[in-house]
Amino acid sequence: MIKISKLALLTIATALLIQVTSCKKTDEPTPEPKDEIVLGVDVTALSFSAEGGTEEVSVSSNVIWKLEYPTGQWARPSIQSTKGDAVVRITADKNETTEPRELNFTLKADETESISISVKQEAGEEIISTEEPELPDFIEPDKTDMREITSLEMAPKMGLGWNLGNSMEALSVSNGVLSGGETSWGNPVVTKELIDAVKAAGFNTVRVPVAWSHKFEDFESFDISYEWKLRVEEVINYALDNDMYVIINIHWDGGWLDQPFYEDQEDLNERLGIMWKQIAKFFRDYDDHLLFAGTNEVHITGDYSDPDQENVDVQNSFNQTFVNTVRATGGRNTYRHLVVQTFNTNIAHGVNYFSVPEDETEDRMMVEVHFYDPYQFALEENGSSYLWGAENASSDAHSGWGDEDWIDKAFGDVKTNFVNDGYPVILGEYGAILRTELASAALEQHLKSRNAYLNYVTASAVENGMVPVYWDNGYTGNNGFGLFNRSTGEVVHNDALQAIISAKE
């Protein structure tokens, strides 16, 4: 038997413990390195218009991050700090200054990673005083830049016309309350680019329908907002700067004129005079490329039958009030070419009932009519009459009337009753809706027929001494009249455009 001392046993035990401990440390896993920080954005530069607005920045991260920015400034984020991925909305205020501006935002994570985000904004427009200058009611007659030409001589110079429809006259009435504005009927804000495109397409006249009543500063006195007059001026200058002619009017305006009865005659004429006095004074210094048209399609609301003598008398009095009011402001308005309307701007009503207003200025007056015959083809939505012209007379898709001979007769009456008497005629509206809902074969026939109609009406109008002004409501889809994309000025329906333009060649 081998005997081991207590000291030897202690020494052996210690060695074994050291060996076991050493082996255990070798078997433990090595700690993983710390995760890599992820920080990114989808954009590093934002650009705002002068009007301001909101833009989004998508942040990608796997850690807590913070967005540093100068506080109390014109732009701010929706959130300043969070963990992980997120969308930050940065809002910019309207730039009321005339200088562009810029801020820098910094996205940081763990004090080691950072990304700079540039935020810029365009300069604001110069602020125009809302104080309207006091204009005299009358100034001495002024012939400066008012050419010595009669309305008959000027009409051919106006060429072909185009309507800026459903924009400046956009107005709604609900329970007697007026509302609306330039974009409220679905069209975008009118731009110079649009009017430049209209000019480039071959038009030389722009008719600008205008509603004035919803912009009253004081409804009791019928004071029209100064800002609204400035905006209308800005729009008409787009055309005048292109050496085009411009026609402005009071257009429907909520329908307040559409009650041509003796009992309302005095009140309506008073309001008409108050409004036209303001308009005439504001635009008095423009040359003869700007024409005033008194009203639009005055009729009894919802009634398109023949007028009686009372209706005609009252509507004719509107024309006289318009002429008297404009001439009474003096200056260039003494010699301005004015446009007066037949009842409901209907040709037959004009031939039968129209009375030429008295005018102290000779040979400075035109008459306005509109033309949408035959109604079933030109205006009736969801109707079955999508073909026009004598060649289609036997088709079930033909309205049964209103072909070339009808147009020749109607426009011949215009020439006989107005043009030959020294009053050129503005065909202030005409056109036919586009029916894109048709099946392909029928649509092809319709487009051919519609283009033939537009070409024939335009050519016949010019031949009979009229200035044709196509009705464009800005809508280029089904049941629309639009020729241009109102946002870009791009021609959308070149076939219809060429049908109109080529009619004068």
Protein backbone atom coordinates (compact mmCIF):
# COMPACT_ATOMS: atom_id res chain seq x y z
CA MET A 1 0.00 0.00 0.00
CA ILE A 2 1.24 3.40 -1.02
CA LYS A 3 0.93 6.06 1.66
CA ILE A 4 0.49 9.75 0.57
CA SER A 5 0.94 12.57 2.97
CA LYS A 6 -1.75 15.19 3.59
CA LEU A 7 0.47 17.81 1.96
CA ALA A 8 0.84 15.76 -1.21
CA LEU A 9 -2.95 15.26 -1.44
CA LEU A 10 -3.54 19.00 -1.16
CA THR A 11 -1.04 19.69 -3.91
CA ILE A 12 -2.69 17.19 -6.28
CA ALA A 13 -6.20 18.59 -5.62
CA THR A 14 -5.08 22.13 -6.35
CA ALA A 15 -3.55 21.07 -9.68
CA LEU A 16 -6.72 19.28 -10.74
CA LEU A 17 -8.88 22.33 -9.87
CA ILE A 18 -6.67 24.60 -11.96
CA GLN A 19 -6.88 22.19 -14.92
CA VAL A 20 -10.71 21.91 -14.73
CA THR A 21 -11.12 25.69 -14.45
CA SER A 22 -8.82 26.23 -17.42
CA CYS A 23 -10.79 23.77 -19.56
CA LYS A 24 -14.13 25.42 -18.68
CA LYS A 25 -12.96 28.88 -19.87
CA THR A 26 -11.78 27.43 -23.17
CA ASP A 27 -15.25 25.94 -23.89
CA GLU A 28 -17.28 29.25 -23.36
CA PRO A 29 -18.45 31.05 -26.59
CA THR A 30 -16.69 34.26 -27.66
CA PRO A 31 -18.97 37.38 -27.33
CA GLU A 32 -20.34 38.67 -30.73
CA PRO A 33 -19.19 42.11 -31.90
CA LYS A 34 -21.54 45.05 -31.39
CA ASP A 35 -24.26 45.54 -34.18
CA GLU A 36 -23.42 48.01 -37.01
CA ILE A 37 -25.46 51.26 -36.90
CA VAL A 38 -27.85 51.71 -39.84
CA LEU A 39 -28.98 55.29 -40.69
CA GLY A 40 -30.35 56.51 -44.00
CA VAL A 41 -32.93 58.76 -45.72
CA ASP A 42 -34.62 58.63 -49.11
CA VAL A 43 -33.96 62.32 -49.86
CA THR A 44 -31.36 64.80 -48.63
CA ALA A 45 -32.85 67.93 -50.21
CA LEU A 46 -36.38 69.33 -50.08
CA SER A 47 -37.72 72.22 -52.14
CA PHE A 48 -40.88 74.15 -51.30
CA SER A 49 -42.81 76.68 -53.34
CA ALA A 50 -43.45 80.10 -51.87
CA GLU A 51 -46.88 78.88 -50.79
CA GLY A 52 -45.29 76.35 -48.42
CA GLY A 53 -46.73 72.92 -47.71
CA THR A 54 -45.59 69.51 -46.45
CA GLU A 55 -42.99 67.07 -47.78
CA GLU A 56 -42.05 63.61 -46.47
CA VAL A 57 -38.66 62.13 -45.61
CA SER A 58 -38.37 58.37 -45.02
CA VAL A 59 -35.80 57.48 -42.35
CA SER A 60 -34.26 53.98 -42.22
CA SER A 61 -32.49 53.01 -39.00
CA ASN A 62 -31.98 50.26 -36.43
CA VAL A 63 -31.20 52.54 -33.49
CA ILE A 64 -32.56 55.57 -31.74
CA TRP A 65 -32.07 58.68 -33.89
CA LYS A 66 -32.67 62.38 -33.48
CA LEU A 67 -33.45 65.13 -35.99
CA GLU A 68 -31.82 68.44 -35.06
CA TYR A 69 -33.16 71.64 -36.62
CA PRO A 70 -33.25 75.37 -35.85
CA THR A 71 -36.34 76.01 -33.77
CA GLY A 72 -38.62 78.99 -34.20
CA GLN A 73 -38.04 79.04 -37.96
CA TRP A 74 -40.34 78.70 -41.01
CA ALA A 75 -39.99 74.89 -41.31
CA ARG A 76 -40.38 72.11 -38.74
CA PRO A 77 -40.61 68.28 -38.57
CA SER A 78 -43.59 66.25 -37.36
CA ILE A 79 -41.36 64.14 -35.09
CA GLN A 80 -37.91 64.88 -33.72
CA SER A 81 -36.74 61.51 -32.39
CA THR A 82 -37.67 57.83 -32.42
CA LYS A 83 -36.19 54.37 -32.91
CA GLY A 84 -36.15 52.46 -36.17
CA ASP A 85 -37.79 53.30 -39.49
CA ALA A 86 -40.22 56.22 -39.70
CA VAL A 87 -41.68 58.85 -42.03
CA VAL A 88 -41.05 62.46 -41.02
CA ARG A 89 -43.30 65.16 -42.45
CA ILE A 90 -41.58 68.52 -42.78
CA THR A 91 -43.92 71.51 -43.01
CA ALA A 92 -42.93 74.89 -44.45
CA ASP A 93 -44.85 78.11 -43.87
CA LYS A 94 -45.80 80.46 -46.72
CA ASN A 95 -42.87 82.69 -47.66
CA GLU A 96 -44.13 86.23 -47.15
CA THR A 97 -40.75 87.70 -48.14
CA THR A 98 -39.37 88.38 -51.61
CA GLU A 99 -36.17 86.38 -50.93
CA PRO A 100 -35.58 82.61 -51.18
CA ARG A 101 -34.57 80.90 -47.94
CA GLU A 102 -32.85 77.74 -46.73
CA LEU A 103 -32.46 75.70 -43.54
CA ASN A 104 -30.34 72.63 -42.70
CA PHE A 105 -31.67 69.71 -40.69
CA THR A 106 -29.26 67.11 -39.28
CA LEU A 107 -30.20 63.48 -38.64
CA LYS A 108 -28.00 61.89 -35.95
CA ALA A 109 -27.60 58.42 -34.38
CA ASP A 110 -25.31 57.42 -31.48
CA GLU A 111 -23.31 60.65 -31.95
CA THR A 112 -21.26 58.84 -34.60
CA GLU A 113 -23.51 58.88 -37.66
CA SER A 114 -25.15 62.00 -39.17
CA ILE A 115 -26.88 63.04 -42.38
CA SER A 116 -27.54 66.63 -43.49
CA ILE A 117 -30.92 67.49 -45.09
CA SER A 118 -31.24 70.75 -47.02
CA VAL A 119 -34.65 72.50 -46.91
CA LYS A 120 -35.13 75.32 -49.43
CA GLN A 121 -38.06 77.57 -50.31
CA GLU A 122 -38.74 79.87 -53.26
CA ALA A 123 -39.11 83.60 -52.81
CA GLY A 124 -42.56 84.98 -52.20
CA GLU A 125 -44.15 87.55 -54.46
CA GLU A 126 -44.03 91.20 -53.67
CA ILE A 127 -46.98 91.99 -51.45
CA ILE A 128 -49.43 94.22 -53.23
CA SER A 129 -51.30 96.72 -51.16
CA THR A 130 -54.89 95.74 -50.53
CA GLU A 131 -55.74 99.42 -50.46
CA GLU A 132 -57.53 100.18 -53.73
CA PRO A 133 -56.61 103.60 -55.10
CA GLU A 134 -59.49 106.01 -55.41
CA LEU A 135 -60.33 106.43 -59.08
CA PRO A 136 -62.42 109.31 -60.40
CA ASP A 137 -65.84 108.35 -61.73
CA PHE A 138 -65.11 110.25 -64.94
CA ILE A 139 -62.01 111.44 -66.75
CA GLU A 140 -61.75 113.30 -70.02
CA PRO A 141 -62.04 111.16 -73.17
CA ASP A 142 -58.67 109.73 -74.21
CA LYS A 143 -57.93 108.30 -77.66
CA THR A 144 -54.41 107.16 -76.79
CA ASP A 145 -53.81 103.70 -78.37
CA MET A 146 -57.48 103.53 -79.38
CA ARG A 147 -57.16 103.00 -83.12
CA GLU A 148 -59.35 104.83 -85.60
CA ILE A 149 -61.09 101.65 -86.70
CA THR A 150 -64.72 100.67 -86.55
CA SER A 151 -65.93 97.46 -84.96
CA LEU A 152 -66.52 96.09 -88.45
CA GLU A 153 -62.88 96.79 -89.29
CA MET A 154 -61.57 95.34 -86.04
CA ALA A 155 -63.56 92.09 -86.05
CA PRO A 156 -61.45 90.36 -88.75
CA LYS A 157 -58.29 91.24 -86.82
CA MET A 158 -59.61 89.29 -83.81
CA GLY A 159 -59.26 86.03 -85.75
CA LEU A 160 -60.39 82.85 -84.02
CA GLY A 161 -61.30 82.89 -80.34
CA TRP A 162 -61.12 80.54 -77.35
CA ASN A 163 -63.03 80.59 -74.06
CA LEU A 164 -61.32 80.32 -70.68
CA GLY A 165 -64.44 78.54 -69.47
CA ASN A 166 -65.19 77.26 -65.94
CA SER A 167 -62.38 79.21 -64.30
CA MET A 168 -62.90 82.88 -63.49
CA GLU A 169 -66.69 82.46 -63.44
CA ALA A 170 -66.67 79.40 -61.13
CA LEU A 171 -69.37 80.15 -58.58
CA SER A 172 -71.93 78.14 -56.61
CA VAL A 173 -75.11 79.18 -54.85
CA SER A 174 -76.54 77.23 -51.92
CA ASN A 175 -79.43 78.56 -49.84
CA GLY A 176 -78.68 82.01 -51.12
CA VAL A 177 -75.01 81.84 -50.12
CA LEU A 178 -72.39 82.41 -52.82
CA SER A 179 -69.17 80.44 -52.75
CA GLY A 180 -66.47 79.28 -55.11
CA GLY A 181 -63.40 80.62 -56.80
CA GLU A 182 -61.06 80.10 -59.70
CA THR A 183 -60.47 76.38 -59.03
CA SER A 184 -63.81 75.39 -57.48
CA TRP A 185 -65.16 73.79 -60.68
CA GLY A 186 -62.18 71.48 -61.06
CA ASN A 187 -59.81 73.52 -63.21
CA PRO A 188 -56.36 74.50 -61.94
CA VAL A 189 -55.18 78.06 -61.41
CA VAL A 190 -54.86 79.83 -64.77
CA THR A 191 -51.23 80.27 -65.84
CA LYS A 192 -49.38 82.25 -68.47
CA GLU A 193 -48.13 78.96 -69.89
CA LEU A 194 -51.71 77.95 -70.70
CA ILE A 195 -52.52 81.21 -72.48
CA ASP A 196 -49.18 81.07 -74.33
CA ALA A 197 -50.18 77.62 -75.57
CA VAL A 198 -53.57 78.93 -76.71
CA LYS A 199 -51.83 81.65 -78.70
CA ALA A 200 -49.33 79.18 -80.17
CA ALA A 201 -52.20 76.92 -81.26
CA GLY A 202 -53.56 79.65 -83.53
CA PHE A 203 -56.13 81.58 -81.48
CA ASN A 204 -55.99 85.37 -81.38
CA THR A 205 -58.88 86.18 -79.00
CA VAL A 206 -59.58 84.96 -75.48
CA ARG A 207 -63.01 85.35 -73.91
CA VAL A 208 -62.76 85.41 -70.13
CA PRO A 209 -66.11 84.72 -68.44
CA VAL A 210 -66.06 86.31 -64.97
CA ALA A 211 -68.23 86.05 -61.87
CA TRP A 212 -67.87 89.10 -59.67
CA SER A 213 -70.55 88.77 -56.98
CA HIS A 214 -68.86 86.14 -54.80
CA LYS A 215 -65.97 88.55 -54.35
CA PHE A 216 -67.97 91.43 -52.93
CA GLU A 217 -66.26 93.24 -50.09
CA ASP A 218 -69.67 94.58 -49.18
CA PHE A 219 -72.74 92.82 -50.56
CA GLU A 220 -75.05 95.68 -49.66
CA SER A 221 -73.12 98.15 -51.82
CA PHE A 222 -71.96 95.56 -54.40
CA ASP A 223 -68.32 96.59 -53.90
CA ILE A 224 -66.14 94.11 -55.82
CA SER A 225 -62.99 92.92 -54.05
CA TYR A 226 -59.84 94.76 -55.11
CA GLU A 227 -57.86 91.51 -54.92
CA TRP A 228 -60.29 89.85 -57.33
CA LYS A 229 -60.01 92.68 -59.83
CA LEU A 230 -56.23 92.37 -59.61
CA ARG A 231 -56.43 88.63 -60.27
CA VAL A 232 -58.70 89.09 -63.28
CA GLU A 233 -56.27 91.72 -64.53
CA GLU A 234 -53.36 89.32 -64.12
CA VAL A 235 -55.15 86.69 -66.22
CA ILE A 236 -56.18 89.03 -69.03
CA ASN A 237 -52.62 90.38 -69.18
CA TYR A 238 -51.42 86.87 -70.04
CA ALA A 239 -53.33 87.26 -73.30
CA LEU A 240 -52.78 90.97 -73.90
CA ASP A 241 -49.04 90.47 -73.52
CA ASN A 242 -49.33 88.06 -76.46
CA ASP A 243 -50.95 90.79 -78.60
CA MET A 244 -54.25 88.95 -78.35
CA TYR A 245 -57.72 90.41 -77.94
CA VAL A 246 -59.60 89.83 -74.68
CA ILE A 247 -63.32 89.94 -73.91
CA ILE A 248 -64.47 90.14 -70.27
CA ASN A 249 -68.08 90.05 -69.11
CA ILE A 250 -70.44 89.45 -66.20
CA HIS A 251 -71.07 85.74 -66.68
CA TRP A 252 -74.12 84.16 -65.00
CA ASP A 253 -72.71 85.28 -61.64
CA GLY A 254 -75.18 83.22 -59.65
CA GLY A 255 -78.07 83.98 -62.00
CA TRP A 256 -79.13 87.26 -60.42
CA LEU A 257 -79.93 88.75 -63.85
CA ASP A 258 -82.07 85.79 -64.90
CA GLN A 259 -85.36 87.33 -63.83
CA PRO A 260 -86.18 89.76 -66.67
CA PHE A 261 -89.47 91.08 -65.30
CA TYR A 262 -90.76 94.63 -65.00
CA GLU A 263 -91.04 94.40 -61.22
CA ASP A 264 -87.30 93.61 -60.95
CA GLN A 265 -86.08 95.87 -63.76
CA GLU A 266 -85.09 98.91 -61.71
CA ASP A 267 -83.22 96.98 -59.01
CA LEU A 268 -81.39 94.80 -61.50
CA ASN A 269 -80.30 97.74 -63.63
CA GLU A 270 -79.10 99.56 -60.53
CA ARG A 271 -76.91 96.64 -59.51
CA LEU A 272 -75.67 96.13 -63.07
CA GLY A 273 -74.70 99.78 -63.28
CA ILE A 274 -72.89 99.75 -59.93
CA MET A 275 -70.86 96.70 -60.91
CA TRP A 276 -69.97 97.83 -64.43
CA LYS A 277 -68.93 101.25 -63.14
CA GLN A 278 -66.33 99.56 -60.92
CA ILE A 279 -65.13 97.22 -63.67
CA ALA A 280 -64.98 99.97 -66.29
CA LYS A 281 -63.03 102.34 -64.04
CA PHE A 282 -60.53 99.66 -63.03
CA PHE A 283 -59.75 98.62 -66.63
CA ARG A 284 -60.21 102.08 -68.16
CA ASP A 285 -56.55 102.59 -69.14
CA TYR A 286 -56.32 99.49 -71.36
CA ASP A 287 -56.19 99.94 -75.12
CA ASP A 288 -58.70 98.63 -77.65
CA HIS A 289 -57.45 95.05 -77.47
CA LEU A 290 -59.66 94.76 -74.37
CA LEU A 291 -63.40 94.56 -75.01
CA PHE A 292 -66.22 94.67 -72.47
CA ALA A 293 -69.29 92.41 -72.88
CA GLY A 294 -72.25 93.42 -70.74
CA THR A 295 -73.81 90.09 -69.74
CA ASN A 296 -74.04 86.48 -70.87
CA GLU A 297 -77.10 84.32 -71.55
CA VAL A 298 -79.83 86.35 -69.83
CA HIS A 299 -83.11 84.40 -69.75
CA ILE A 300 -85.74 83.27 -67.26
CA THR A 301 -84.12 80.67 -65.05
CA GLY A 302 -84.94 77.20 -66.38
CA ASP A 303 -87.11 78.54 -69.23
CA TYR A 304 -85.72 78.29 -72.77
CA SER A 305 -88.93 79.05 -74.64
CA ASP A 306 -89.54 82.20 -76.67
CA PRO A 307 -89.53 85.34 -74.50
CA ASP A 308 -92.53 87.64 -74.27
CA GLN A 309 -92.34 91.41 -74.71
CA GLU A 310 -91.74 92.00 -71.00
CA ASN A 311 -88.71 89.72 -70.95
CA VAL A 312 -87.29 91.34 -74.07
CA ASP A 313 -87.82 94.89 -72.81
CA VAL A 314 -86.03 94.19 -69.55
CA GLN A 315 -83.12 92.34 -71.16
CA ASN A 316 -82.69 95.12 -73.75
CA SER A 317 -82.58 97.61 -70.86
CA PHE A 318 -79.60 95.70 -69.43
CA ASN A 319 -77.70 96.35 -72.65
CA GLN A 320 -78.51 100.06 -72.50
CA THR A 321 -77.45 100.34 -68.85
CA PHE A 322 -74.18 98.62 -69.67
CA VAL A 323 -73.37 100.97 -72.56
CA ASN A 324 -74.36 104.11 -70.64
CA THR A 325 -72.35 103.10 -67.58
CA VAL A 326 -69.12 102.30 -69.44
CA ARG A 327 -69.22 105.44 -71.58
CA ALA A 328 -69.87 107.60 -68.51
CA THR A 329 -66.47 106.67 -67.05
CA GLY A 330 -64.66 108.48 -69.89
CA GLY A 331 -61.01 108.02 -70.74
CA ARG A 332 -60.39 105.25 -73.25
CA ASN A 333 -63.78 103.77 -72.37
CA THR A 334 -65.27 106.57 -74.46
CA TYR A 335 -63.94 104.77 -77.53
CA ARG A 336 -63.82 101.16 -76.34
CA HIS A 337 -65.51 98.47 -78.45
CA LEU A 338 -68.47 97.10 -76.49
CA VAL A 339 -70.35 93.83 -76.90
CA VAL A 340 -74.10 93.54 -76.22
CA GLN A 341 -76.21 90.36 -76.18
CA THR A 342 -79.41 89.07 -77.72
CA PHE A 343 -81.97 87.43 -75.42
CA ASN A 344 -80.31 84.24 -74.14
CA THR A 345 -77.67 84.96 -76.84
CA ASN A 346 -80.03 83.12 -79.18
CA ILE A 347 -79.79 83.94 -82.89
CA ALA A 348 -83.52 83.70 -83.61
CA HIS A 349 -84.39 85.77 -80.52
CA GLY A 350 -81.88 88.35 -81.70
CA VAL A 351 -83.39 88.55 -85.16
CA ASN A 352 -86.91 88.82 -83.73
CA TYR A 353 -86.49 90.94 -80.60
CA PHE A 354 -83.10 92.63 -80.29
CA SER A 355 -82.90 96.42 -80.06
CA VAL A 356 -79.56 98.13 -80.64
CA PRO A 357 -78.70 100.30 -77.61
CA GLU A 358 -78.14 103.98 -78.15
CA ASP A 359 -74.46 104.88 -78.03
CA GLU A 360 -72.88 108.33 -78.04
CA THR A 361 -69.79 106.78 -79.66
CA GLU A 362 -70.31 105.67 -83.25
CA ASP A 363 -69.17 102.38 -84.75
CA ARG A 364 -67.82 100.85 -81.54
CA MET A 365 -70.39 98.14 -80.87
CA MET A 366 -70.68 94.40 -81.52
CA VAL A 367 -73.52 91.94 -80.94
CA GLU A 368 -73.06 88.56 -79.25
CA VAL A 369 -74.85 85.28 -79.96
CA HIS A 370 -74.10 81.65 -79.05
CA PHE A 371 -74.66 78.48 -81.05
CA TYR A 372 -75.13 74.89 -79.87
CA ASP A 373 -77.45 73.52 -82.56
CA PRO A 374 -78.52 70.80 -82.79
CA TYR A 375 -78.82 70.44 -79.02
CA GLN A 376 -79.00 66.63 -79.10
CA PHE A 377 -75.60 66.45 -80.81
CA ALA A 378 -73.83 69.46 -79.28
CA LEU A 379 -74.94 69.47 -75.64
CA GLU A 380 -77.13 66.56 -74.59
CA GLU A 381 -75.13 64.29 -72.28
CA ASN A 382 -75.73 60.54 -72.38
CA GLY A 383 -77.79 61.02 -75.52
CA SER A 384 -77.99 58.80 -78.57
CA SER A 385 -77.26 61.52 -81.18
CA TYR A 386 -73.54 61.36 -81.74
CA LEU A 387 -73.46 61.97 -85.51
CA TRP A 388 -73.95 65.19 -87.46
CA GLY A 389 -74.19 66.34 -91.05
CA ALA A 390 -76.28 65.58 -94.11
CA GLU A 391 -74.24 62.48 -94.89
CA ASN A 392 -75.43 60.96 -91.60
CA ALA A 393 -79.08 62.06 -91.83
CA SER A 394 -80.36 58.48 -92.31
CA SER A 395 -78.59 57.18 -89.18
CA ASP A 396 -80.41 56.51 -85.92
CA ALA A 397 -77.51 58.34 -84.25
CA HIS A 398 -78.44 61.57 -86.07
CA SER A 399 -80.57 64.23 -84.34
CA GLY A 400 -82.84 64.73 -87.35
CA TRP A 401 -82.05 68.43 -87.78
CA GLY A 402 -79.33 71.07 -87.51
CA ASP A 403 -77.12 70.11 -90.45
CA GLU A 404 -75.17 72.31 -92.86
CA ASP A 405 -78.27 73.98 -94.33
CA TRP A 406 -79.49 74.90 -90.84
CA ILE A 407 -76.17 76.57 -90.02
CA ASP A 408 -76.13 78.40 -93.35
CA LYS A 409 -79.61 79.80 -92.66
CA ALA A 410 -78.90 80.82 -89.06
CA PHE A 411 -75.57 82.47 -89.81
CA GLY A 412 -77.00 84.06 -92.95
CA ASP A 413 -79.64 85.69 -90.75
CA VAL A 414 -76.87 87.02 -88.53
CA LYS A 415 -75.14 88.61 -91.49
CA THR A 416 -78.34 90.09 -92.88
CA ASN A 417 -79.67 91.51 -89.60
CA PHE A 418 -76.49 92.61 -87.86
CA VAL A 419 -73.28 92.55 -89.90
CA ASN A 420 -74.83 94.22 -92.95
CA ASP A 421 -76.17 96.94 -90.63
CA GLY A 422 -72.68 97.70 -89.32
CA TYR A 423 -72.63 95.47 -86.24
CA PRO A 424 -70.11 92.62 -86.34
CA VAL A 425 -71.10 89.58 -84.30
CA ILE A 426 -69.14 87.73 -81.64
CA LEU A 427 -70.08 84.05 -81.73
CA GLY A 428 -69.22 83.98 -78.05
CA GLU A 429 -69.72 80.24 -77.53
CA TYR A 430 -70.03 77.19 -79.75
CA GLY A 431 -68.88 73.58 -79.76
CA ALA A 432 -70.00 69.99 -79.31
CA ILE A 433 -69.28 67.63 -76.45
CA LEU A 434 -66.85 64.75 -76.84
CA ARG A 435 -68.47 61.33 -76.30
CA THR A 436 -65.64 59.01 -75.31
CA GLU A 437 -68.08 56.51 -73.76
CA LEU A 438 -68.90 55.18 -77.23
CA ALA A 439 -67.61 51.82 -78.43
CA SER A 440 -64.58 52.01 -80.70
CA ALA A 441 -66.36 51.90 -84.07
CA ALA A 442 -69.01 54.41 -83.01
CA LEU A 443 -66.36 56.61 -81.39
CA GLU A 444 -64.41 56.74 -84.63
CA GLN A 445 -67.55 57.87 -86.47
CA HIS A 446 -68.33 60.40 -83.75
CA LEU A 447 -64.87 61.97 -83.86
CA LYS A 448 -65.06 62.36 -87.61
CA SER A 449 -68.53 63.87 -87.32
CA ARG A 450 -67.61 66.20 -84.44
CA ASN A 451 -64.55 67.50 -86.27
CA ALA A 452 -66.63 68.12 -89.38
CA TYR A 453 -69.12 70.08 -87.25
CA LEU A 454 -66.45 72.21 -85.60
CA ASN A 455 -64.86 72.96 -88.95
CA TYR A 456 -68.14 73.85 -90.64
CA VAL A 457 -69.44 76.09 -87.85
CA THR A 458 -66.13 77.95 -87.62
CA ALA A 459 -65.79 78.45 -91.37
CA SER A 460 -69.41 79.55 -91.78
CA ALA A 461 -69.09 82.01 -88.90
CA VAL A 462 -66.03 83.65 -90.44
CA GLU A 463 -67.67 83.74 -93.87
CA ASN A 464 -70.67 85.57 -92.41
CA GLY A 465 -68.69 88.25 -90.59
CA MET A 466 -68.60 86.68 -87.14
CA VAL A 467 -65.75 86.16 -84.67
CA PRO A 468 -66.04 82.49 -83.60
CA VAL A 469 -64.99 81.85 -79.99
CA TYR A 470 -64.85 78.13 -79.18
CA TRP A 471 -66.23 77.06 -75.79
CA ASP A 472 -63.53 75.24 -73.79
CA ASN A 473 -64.57 74.24 -70.26
CA GLY A 474 -61.20 72.67 -69.40
CA TYR A 475 -62.54 69.11 -69.22
CA THR A 476 -61.01 66.81 -71.84
CA GLY A 477 -62.85 63.59 -70.97
CA ASN A 478 -66.32 62.27 -71.76
CA ASN A 479 -68.88 65.05 -72.33
CA GLY A 480 -66.10 67.64 -72.21
CA PHE A 481 -65.16 70.52 -74.50
CA GLY A 482 -61.50 70.84 -73.46
CA LEU A 483 -58.74 71.09 -76.04
CA PHE A 484 -55.82 71.74 -73.69
CA ASN A 485 -54.46 70.28 -70.49
CA ARG A 486 -55.11 73.28 -68.24
CA SER A 487 -52.17 72.38 -65.98
CA THR A 488 -49.49 72.13 -68.66
CA GLY A 489 -50.90 73.82 -71.75
CA GLU A 490 -50.38 70.62 -73.73
CA VAL A 491 -52.84 70.06 -76.59
CA VAL A 492 -54.96 67.02 -75.73
CA HIS A 493 -57.32 66.78 -78.72
CA ASN A 494 -55.29 67.95 -81.69
CA ASP A 495 -57.86 66.64 -84.19
CA ALA A 496 -60.55 68.96 -82.84
CA LEU A 497 -58.09 71.83 -82.58
CA GLN A 498 -57.03 71.47 -86.20
CA ALA A 499 -60.66 71.21 -87.32
CA ILE A 500 -61.19 74.68 -85.84
CA ILE A 501 -57.94 76.33 -86.84
CA SER A 502 -57.96 75.03 -90.42
CA ALA A 503 -61.43 76.51 -91.02
CA LYS A 504 -59.93 79.99 -91.38
CA GLU A 505 -57.12 78.98 -93.72
